[in-house]
Amino acid sequence: MLSTENCQDDAAKLSEVEAEMLSTDLQDWIVTEAYLEKTFRFKNFYETMGFVNAVAWMANQQDHHPDLDVSYSRCRVRWNTHSANGVSRNDFICAARSDALHKKS
């Protein structure tokens, strides 16, 4: 289960086949060669910021940080691995963890 895994140092870029296999564990994520992206929606700004802070805490713990686009009732999260120049398993781990945090909010 991806959401229980931890990010690894020196994660390699995934092949298209590897990324496709892992994408079956995620729901509603846009999966490209360069990034994983999903927009999460909330009732209000308070809930949005609660989620943003939870993602920030998780990302810091995993030492893997997303690009976030935040507005009143939504947050777009984009994961990629700069050092791998694309998408790695770490991105899928953090995407799954983001989904788990959204379910708690």
N, C-alpha and C. Protein backbone atom coordinates (compact mmCIF):
# COMPACT_ATOMS: atom_id res chain seq x y z
N MET A 1 0.85 -1.18 0.00
CA MET A 1 0.00 0.00 0.00
C MET A 1 0.90 1.24 0.00
N LEU A 2 0.77 2.04 -1.04
CA LEU A 2 1.66 3.19 -1.22
C LEU A 2 1.61 4.17 -0.05
N SER A 3 0.43 4.39 0.51
CA SER A 3 0.30 5.41 1.56
C SER A 3 1.02 5.05 2.86
N THR A 4 1.48 3.82 2.99
CA THR A 4 2.22 3.43 4.19
C THR A 4 3.72 3.34 3.93
N GLU A 5 4.13 3.54 2.69
CA GLU A 5 5.56 3.51 2.36
C GLU A 5 6.18 4.87 2.66
N ASN A 6 7.50 4.88 2.78
CA ASN A 6 8.26 6.12 2.95
C ASN A 6 9.10 6.38 1.71
N CYS A 7 9.32 7.65 1.44
CA CYS A 7 10.15 8.04 0.31
C CYS A 7 11.59 7.58 0.52
N GLN A 8 12.25 7.28 -0.57
CA GLN A 8 13.63 6.82 -0.55
C GLN A 8 14.54 7.85 -1.20
N ASP A 9 15.77 7.94 -0.71
CA ASP A 9 16.77 8.80 -1.35
C ASP A 9 17.10 8.24 -2.72
N ASP A 10 17.49 9.10 -3.62
CA ASP A 10 17.94 8.70 -4.96
C ASP A 10 16.90 7.89 -5.72
N ALA A 11 15.64 8.27 -5.62
CA ALA A 11 14.58 7.59 -6.36
C ALA A 11 14.76 7.84 -7.85
N ALA A 12 14.65 6.79 -8.63
CA ALA A 12 14.85 6.87 -10.08
C ALA A 12 13.55 7.19 -10.80
N LYS A 13 13.68 7.78 -11.96
CA LYS A 13 12.53 8.05 -12.82
C LYS A 13 11.90 6.72 -13.22
N LEU A 14 10.58 6.68 -13.17
CA LEU A 14 9.85 5.46 -13.53
C LEU A 14 9.65 5.37 -15.04
N SER A 15 9.62 4.16 -15.53
CA SER A 15 9.26 3.96 -16.94
C SER A 15 7.75 4.20 -17.08
N GLU A 16 7.30 4.33 -18.30
CA GLU A 16 5.88 4.53 -18.55
C GLU A 16 5.06 3.35 -18.02
N VAL A 17 5.56 2.15 -18.19
CA VAL A 17 4.87 0.94 -17.72
C VAL A 17 4.80 0.93 -16.19
N GLU A 18 5.91 1.26 -15.53
CA GLU A 18 5.92 1.29 -14.06
C GLU A 18 4.93 2.33 -13.53
N ALA A 19 4.93 3.51 -14.15
CA ALA A 19 4.01 4.57 -13.72
C ALA A 19 2.56 4.16 -13.94
N GLU A 20 2.29 3.52 -15.05
CA GLU A 20 0.93 3.06 -15.34
C GLU A 20 0.47 2.04 -14.31
N MET A 21 1.35 1.13 -13.92
CA MET A 21 0.99 0.13 -12.92
C MET A 21 0.68 0.78 -11.57
N LEU A 22 1.51 1.74 -11.16
CA LEU A 22 1.29 2.41 -9.88
C LEU A 22 0.06 3.31 -9.91
N SER A 23 -0.27 3.85 -11.07
CA SER A 23 -1.40 4.77 -11.17
C SER A 23 -2.73 4.09 -10.86
N THR A 24 -2.78 2.77 -10.95
CA THR A 24 -4.02 2.07 -10.62
C THR A 24 -4.34 2.16 -9.13
N ASP A 25 -3.35 2.52 -8.31
CA ASP A 25 -3.56 2.68 -6.87
C ASP A 25 -4.06 4.07 -6.51
N LEU A 26 -4.10 4.98 -7.49
CA LEU A 26 -4.52 6.36 -7.23
C LEU A 26 -5.83 6.64 -7.95
N GLN A 27 -6.62 7.54 -7.38
CA GLN A 27 -7.89 7.90 -7.99
C GLN A 27 -7.90 9.38 -8.33
N ASP A 28 -8.26 9.69 -9.57
CA ASP A 28 -8.44 11.06 -10.05
C ASP A 28 -7.15 11.87 -10.14
N TRP A 29 -6.03 11.21 -10.22
CA TRP A 29 -4.76 11.91 -10.42
C TRP A 29 -4.44 11.96 -11.91
N ILE A 30 -3.95 13.10 -12.36
CA ILE A 30 -3.42 13.22 -13.71
C ILE A 30 -1.99 12.71 -13.64
N VAL A 31 -1.67 11.73 -14.47
CA VAL A 31 -0.33 11.12 -14.46
C VAL A 31 0.32 11.40 -15.80
N THR A 32 1.44 12.12 -15.77
CA THR A 32 2.22 12.38 -16.98
C THR A 32 3.64 11.89 -16.74
N GLU A 33 4.45 11.99 -17.75
CA GLU A 33 5.86 11.61 -17.62
C GLU A 33 6.59 12.56 -16.67
N ALA A 34 6.09 13.79 -16.55
CA ALA A 34 6.77 14.82 -15.78
C ALA A 34 6.25 15.02 -14.36
N TYR A 35 4.97 14.70 -14.11
CA TYR A 35 4.39 15.00 -12.79
C TYR A 35 3.10 14.21 -12.56
N LEU A 36 2.67 14.22 -11.29
CA LEU A 36 1.35 13.75 -10.87
C LEU A 36 0.61 14.97 -10.34
N GLU A 37 -0.67 15.10 -10.69
CA GLU A 37 -1.41 16.29 -10.28
C GLU A 37 -2.86 15.95 -9.95
N LYS A 38 -3.35 16.60 -8.91
CA LYS A 38 -4.76 16.44 -8.53
C LYS A 38 -5.24 17.72 -7.86
N THR A 39 -6.50 18.07 -8.12
CA THR A 39 -7.11 19.21 -7.44
C THR A 39 -8.08 18.68 -6.39
N PHE A 40 -7.86 19.09 -5.16
CA PHE A 40 -8.71 18.72 -4.04
C PHE A 40 -9.65 19.88 -3.75
N ARG A 41 -10.90 19.58 -3.45
CA ARG A 41 -11.90 20.62 -3.20
C ARG A 41 -12.39 20.55 -1.75
N PHE A 42 -12.73 21.74 -1.21
CA PHE A 42 -13.12 21.87 0.19
C PHE A 42 -14.31 22.80 0.33
N LYS A 43 -14.94 22.78 1.51
CA LYS A 43 -16.11 23.62 1.77
C LYS A 43 -15.73 25.08 1.96
N ASN A 44 -14.55 25.32 2.54
CA ASN A 44 -14.17 26.69 2.88
C ASN A 44 -12.65 26.81 3.00
N PHE A 45 -12.20 28.03 3.23
CA PHE A 45 -10.77 28.30 3.31
C PHE A 45 -10.12 27.60 4.50
N TYR A 46 -10.82 27.54 5.61
CA TYR A 46 -10.29 26.89 6.80
C TYR A 46 -9.96 25.42 6.52
N GLU A 47 -10.87 24.70 5.86
CA GLU A 47 -10.61 23.30 5.52
C GLU A 47 -9.48 23.17 4.50
N THR A 48 -9.46 24.09 3.55
CA THR A 48 -8.38 24.08 2.56
C THR A 48 -7.03 24.22 3.24
N MET A 49 -6.92 25.19 4.13
CA MET A 49 -5.64 25.43 4.79
C MET A 49 -5.28 24.30 5.75
N GLY A 50 -6.26 23.66 6.35
CA GLY A 50 -5.97 22.49 7.18
C GLY A 50 -5.31 21.40 6.35
N PHE A 51 -5.84 21.16 5.16
CA PHE A 51 -5.26 20.17 4.25
C PHE A 51 -3.86 20.60 3.81
N VAL A 52 -3.70 21.86 3.44
CA VAL A 52 -2.39 22.36 3.00
C VAL A 52 -1.35 22.17 4.09
N ASN A 53 -1.71 22.49 5.32
CA ASN A 53 -0.77 22.31 6.44
C ASN A 53 -0.45 20.85 6.68
N ALA A 54 -1.43 19.98 6.53
CA ALA A 54 -1.19 18.54 6.70
C ALA A 54 -0.25 18.02 5.61
N VAL A 55 -0.47 18.45 4.37
CA VAL A 55 0.42 18.05 3.27
C VAL A 55 1.83 18.59 3.51
N ALA A 56 1.93 19.83 3.97
CA ALA A 56 3.24 20.42 4.24
C ALA A 56 3.98 19.62 5.31
N TRP A 57 3.29 19.24 6.37
CA TRP A 57 3.91 18.46 7.44
C TRP A 57 4.38 17.11 6.90
N MET A 58 3.51 16.42 6.15
CA MET A 58 3.86 15.11 5.58
C MET A 58 5.05 15.24 4.63
N ALA A 59 5.01 16.25 3.77
CA ALA A 59 6.09 16.45 2.79
C ALA A 59 7.42 16.69 3.50
N ASN A 60 7.40 17.46 4.57
CA ASN A 60 8.61 17.71 5.33
C ASN A 60 9.14 16.42 5.95
N GLN A 61 8.24 15.59 6.49
CA GLN A 61 8.64 14.31 7.07
C GLN A 61 9.25 13.38 6.01
N GLN A 62 8.73 13.43 4.80
CA GLN A 62 9.20 12.57 3.71
C GLN A 62 10.38 13.19 2.95
N ASP A 63 10.68 14.45 3.24
CA ASP A 63 11.72 15.20 2.53
C ASP A 63 11.47 15.16 1.01
N HIS A 64 10.19 15.36 0.66
CA HIS A 64 9.77 15.37 -0.74
C HIS A 64 8.63 16.37 -0.83
N HIS A 65 8.82 17.42 -1.61
CA HIS A 65 7.93 18.58 -1.50
C HIS A 65 7.19 18.86 -2.81
N PRO A 66 5.88 19.12 -2.72
CA PRO A 66 5.08 19.36 -3.91
C PRO A 66 5.03 20.84 -4.29
N ASP A 67 4.50 21.09 -5.47
CA ASP A 67 4.06 22.43 -5.83
C ASP A 67 2.59 22.49 -5.45
N LEU A 68 2.20 23.55 -4.76
CA LEU A 68 0.82 23.72 -4.31
C LEU A 68 0.26 25.01 -4.90
N ASP A 69 -0.97 24.94 -5.39
CA ASP A 69 -1.70 26.11 -5.86
C ASP A 69 -2.96 26.17 -5.02
N VAL A 70 -3.05 27.19 -4.16
CA VAL A 70 -4.09 27.25 -3.14
C VAL A 70 -5.04 28.41 -3.40
N SER A 71 -6.34 28.15 -3.28
CA SER A 71 -7.34 29.21 -3.31
C SER A 71 -8.37 28.94 -2.22
N TYR A 72 -9.44 29.68 -2.21
CA TYR A 72 -10.42 29.61 -1.12
C TYR A 72 -10.89 28.18 -0.83
N SER A 73 -11.30 27.46 -1.86
CA SER A 73 -11.93 26.16 -1.62
C SER A 73 -11.28 25.02 -2.40
N ARG A 74 -10.03 25.21 -2.80
CA ARG A 74 -9.36 24.13 -3.52
C ARG A 74 -7.85 24.23 -3.35
N CYS A 75 -7.21 23.11 -3.59
CA CYS A 75 -5.74 23.05 -3.57
C CYS A 75 -5.31 22.08 -4.67
N ARG A 76 -4.53 22.59 -5.61
CA ARG A 76 -3.95 21.74 -6.65
C ARG A 76 -2.58 21.30 -6.15
N VAL A 77 -2.36 19.99 -6.14
CA VAL A 77 -1.11 19.41 -5.67
C VAL A 77 -0.41 18.77 -6.86
N ARG A 78 0.85 19.11 -7.04
CA ARG A 78 1.64 18.53 -8.14
C ARG A 78 2.94 17.98 -7.58
N TRP A 79 3.12 16.67 -7.77
CA TRP A 79 4.33 15.98 -7.32
C TRP A 79 5.21 15.66 -8.51
N ASN A 80 6.50 15.88 -8.37
CA ASN A 80 7.49 15.37 -9.31
C ASN A 80 8.83 15.29 -8.59
N THR A 81 9.75 14.57 -9.19
CA THR A 81 11.07 14.38 -8.59
C THR A 81 12.09 15.09 -9.46
N HIS A 82 12.52 16.27 -9.00
CA HIS A 82 13.45 17.08 -9.79
C HIS A 82 14.74 16.33 -10.09
N SER A 83 15.27 15.63 -9.08
CA SER A 83 16.55 14.93 -9.26
C SER A 83 16.45 13.79 -10.27
N ALA A 84 15.24 13.25 -10.47
CA ALA A 84 15.04 12.16 -11.44
C ALA A 84 14.57 12.71 -12.79
N ASN A 85 14.31 14.02 -12.83
CA ASN A 85 13.83 14.67 -14.05
C ASN A 85 12.53 14.02 -14.54
N GLY A 86 11.62 13.77 -13.61
CA GLY A 86 10.34 13.16 -13.96
C GLY A 86 9.63 12.63 -12.75
N VAL A 87 8.91 11.54 -12.94
CA VAL A 87 8.10 10.94 -11.88
C VAL A 87 8.81 9.71 -11.31
N SER A 88 8.88 9.65 -9.98
CA SER A 88 9.48 8.50 -9.30
C SER A 88 8.44 7.86 -8.38
N ARG A 89 8.80 6.76 -7.79
CA ARG A 89 7.91 6.10 -6.82
C ARG A 89 7.59 7.04 -5.66
N ASN A 90 8.53 7.91 -5.29
CA ASN A 90 8.28 8.87 -4.22
C ASN A 90 7.05 9.73 -4.50
N ASP A 91 6.85 10.09 -5.77
CA ASP A 91 5.69 10.91 -6.12
C ASP A 91 4.39 10.14 -5.90
N PHE A 92 4.39 8.87 -6.25
CA PHE A 92 3.20 8.04 -6.04
C PHE A 92 2.94 7.83 -4.55
N ILE A 93 4.00 7.67 -3.78
CA ILE A 93 3.86 7.53 -2.32
C ILE A 93 3.21 8.78 -1.74
N CYS A 94 3.73 9.94 -2.12
CA CYS A 94 3.20 11.19 -1.57
C CYS A 94 1.81 11.51 -2.10
N ALA A 95 1.51 11.12 -3.33
CA ALA A 95 0.15 11.29 -3.85
C ALA A 95 -0.83 10.45 -3.04
N ALA A 96 -0.47 9.21 -2.76
CA ALA A 96 -1.33 8.34 -1.96
C ALA A 96 -1.49 8.89 -0.54
N ARG A 97 -0.42 9.41 0.01
CA ARG A 97 -0.49 10.00 1.35
C ARG A 97 -1.37 11.26 1.32
N SER A 98 -1.31 12.03 0.25
CA SER A 98 -2.17 13.22 0.10
C SER A 98 -3.64 12.81 0.08
N ASP A 99 -3.95 11.75 -0.67
CA ASP A 99 -5.32 11.24 -0.69
C ASP A 99 -5.78 10.84 0.70
N ALA A 100 -4.92 10.16 1.44
CA ALA A 100 -5.26 9.73 2.80
C ALA A 100 -5.52 10.93 3.70
N LEU A 101 -4.73 11.98 3.56
CA LEU A 101 -4.94 13.19 4.35
C LEU A 101 -6.26 13.86 3.98
N HIS A 102 -6.61 13.85 2.71
CA HIS A 102 -7.86 14.46 2.27
C HIS A 102 -9.06 13.72 2.87
N LYS A 103 -8.96 12.42 2.95
CA LYS A 103 -10.06 11.63 3.53
C LYS A 103 -10.25 11.96 5.01
N LYS A 104 -9.17 12.35 5.68
CA LYS A 104 -9.25 12.69 7.12
C LYS A 104 -9.80 14.09 7.34
N SER A 105 -9.71 14.95 6.32
CA SER A 105 -10.12 16.35 6.52
C SER A 105 -11.61 16.56 6.38
